[in-house]
Amino acid sequence: MSASIQWEYRVQSVGKFWGAKDEEIETLLNEWGEEGWEVVTVFSSSGSGNVMAVAKRPLTLATRRRRSMPGIEEMR
């Protein structure tokens, strides 16, 4: 049986719904893609005007972003 894939996630505001330029968002998403991120959803919070993107990529020691999380020391 193969080991299950572990994922890391990224959530980021990519602009304002009414003010975001398509080119800016496209550039950001292309950069994420080059880093191995796959966008899984984009949404706007009700009434905030913020556009948020959620992305994931397989969790590896080579790609893991630095973050403070319980248990992260176990992966080193």
Protein backbone atom coordinates (compact mmCIF):
# COMPACT_ATOMS: atom_id res chain seq x y z
CA MET A 1 0.00 0.00 0.00
CA SER A 2 1.41 3.39 -0.93
CA ALA A 3 1.82 6.20 1.57
CA SER A 4 -0.88 8.84 1.50
CA ILE A 5 0.00 12.23 0.07
CA GLN A 6 0.32 15.07 2.53
CA TRP A 7 -0.56 18.56 1.31
CA GLU A 8 0.38 22.08 2.25
CA TYR A 9 -2.01 24.93 1.55
CA ARG A 10 -1.67 28.58 0.74
CA VAL A 11 -4.38 31.22 1.16
CA GLN A 12 -3.77 34.72 -0.08
CA SER A 13 -5.70 37.83 -0.98
CA VAL A 14 -4.97 38.50 -4.64
CA GLY A 15 -6.70 41.84 -4.99
CA LYS A 16 -9.97 43.60 -4.63
CA PHE A 17 -12.97 42.30 -6.52
CA TRP A 18 -13.66 45.64 -8.21
CA GLY A 19 -10.05 46.85 -8.45
CA ALA A 20 -8.01 43.77 -9.23
CA LYS A 21 -6.45 43.73 -12.65
CA ASP A 22 -6.65 40.46 -14.53
CA GLU A 23 -2.96 40.72 -15.48
CA GLU A 24 -1.89 41.07 -11.82
CA ILE A 25 -3.89 38.03 -10.76
CA GLU A 26 -2.69 36.03 -13.76
CA THR A 27 0.95 36.90 -12.97
CA LEU A 28 0.55 35.83 -9.35
CA LEU A 29 -1.15 32.55 -10.29
CA ASN A 30 1.54 31.79 -12.90
CA GLU A 31 4.22 32.36 -10.24
CA TRP A 32 2.41 29.95 -7.92
CA GLY A 33 2.21 27.39 -10.72
CA GLU A 34 5.97 27.63 -11.29
CA GLU A 35 6.42 26.90 -7.56
CA GLY A 36 4.22 23.81 -7.83
CA TRP A 37 1.00 25.29 -6.38
CA GLU A 38 -2.38 24.29 -7.81
CA VAL A 39 -5.23 26.72 -7.19
CA VAL A 40 -8.23 24.81 -5.87
CA THR A 41 -10.65 27.70 -5.36
CA VAL A 42 -11.01 31.46 -5.61
CA PHE A 43 -13.71 33.29 -3.69
CA SER A 44 -14.80 36.69 -2.46
CA SER A 45 -15.80 37.10 1.18
CA SER A 46 -19.30 38.44 1.54
CA GLY A 47 -19.24 42.23 1.65
CA SER A 48 -15.44 42.51 1.97
CA GLY A 49 -14.54 43.00 -1.68
CA ASN A 50 -11.43 40.86 -1.13
CA VAL A 51 -10.63 38.07 -3.56
CA MET A 52 -8.96 35.09 -1.90
CA ALA A 53 -7.18 32.22 -3.62
CA VAL A 54 -6.58 28.82 -2.02
CA ALA A 55 -3.86 26.60 -3.47
CA LYS A 56 -2.26 23.29 -2.57
CA ARG A 57 0.83 21.29 -3.41
CA PRO A 58 2.28 18.01 -2.17
CA LEU A 59 4.16 18.49 1.09
CA THR A 60 7.85 17.60 0.81
CA LEU A 61 10.93 18.71 2.65
CA ALA A 62 12.13 20.42 -0.54
CA THR A 63 8.95 22.45 -1.12
CA ARG A 64 7.68 23.00 2.44
CA ARG A 65 7.20 26.66 3.27
CA ARG A 66 8.37 27.82 6.67
CA ARG A 67 5.49 28.12 9.05
CA SER A 68 4.80 27.70 12.72
CA MET A 69 2.63 24.68 13.27
CA PRO A 70 2.45 22.08 16.02
CA GLY A 71 4.31 18.95 14.94
CA ILE A 72 6.35 20.61 12.18
CA GLU A 73 9.61 19.63 13.89
CA GLU A 74 8.72 15.98 13.29
CA MET A 75 9.15 16.45 9.53
CA ARG A 76 12.75 17.68 9.70
